[in-house]
């Protein structure tokens, strides 16, 4: 990370934590390896995509059989890592921009997109400094628990959401179960890289609803992302570990 990025991150209202960006930047090289350090994200991504597809179809009244439901729409993925969500959103027809705090992740994302022939705009840095404009779809998957200033981060997401647009967020819940399974157990056995999570930074659904309301957004009812030996990771009514929500202008 450059000195300029670190300087921005320490200013009041900035959202990037330099140590978080450095942590995830170290994972960039094998981000696309489904058996590597981001293996859990590879398992989680289809669940999140299924939720997003349903939300997009419902929000814009699109036929669920449409192959490219995001045709003609701009999508922004904040905290995009190496592009695990950006690429399928592009295949669904969106003009996609991915933003990440770690320059290493953006380099990996660009290289992978080039390798598979997808045109995606990637930028590293603080979202509020990039001048990207507004987007029909704004996503931030497993990001809010890593930012320095949650109200400022959500305000920036809201500022980038076009009128009539849709926002989708996912994050771990702050519960006894998530402390045990997502932090202690998952990091101990290597399912998640050690040092990835600080349980105290997790946000409950009620807290997220209030934070979104402060940013002028109304949150819909959350769906849980749960795990079972039979189903693996799946959408559920159980919110104890992780949840995903949609929001739109109030």
Foldseek 3Di string as FASTA:
>chain_A
DDPVQVVQQPDPLFWADVVLLVVLLVVQVCCVPCPDQVVVVVLCVVQVVVVVLVVLCVLVVNDSPDQQSQAPWAEEEEQCFLPPPVVVNVRSHHQYEYEHQHPSRQVNNVVVCVVVVTDHHYDYHTLVVPPPAATQEYEYEQPLLRIDDNLSVLLSSQRRHDASHKYKYKHWALDPVQCVPVQVPCCVVSVHPHPNGDSVSGHHPVRVQVSNVVSQKHKDDKWAFDADPVPGTHTHNDRNTMIMIMIHGD
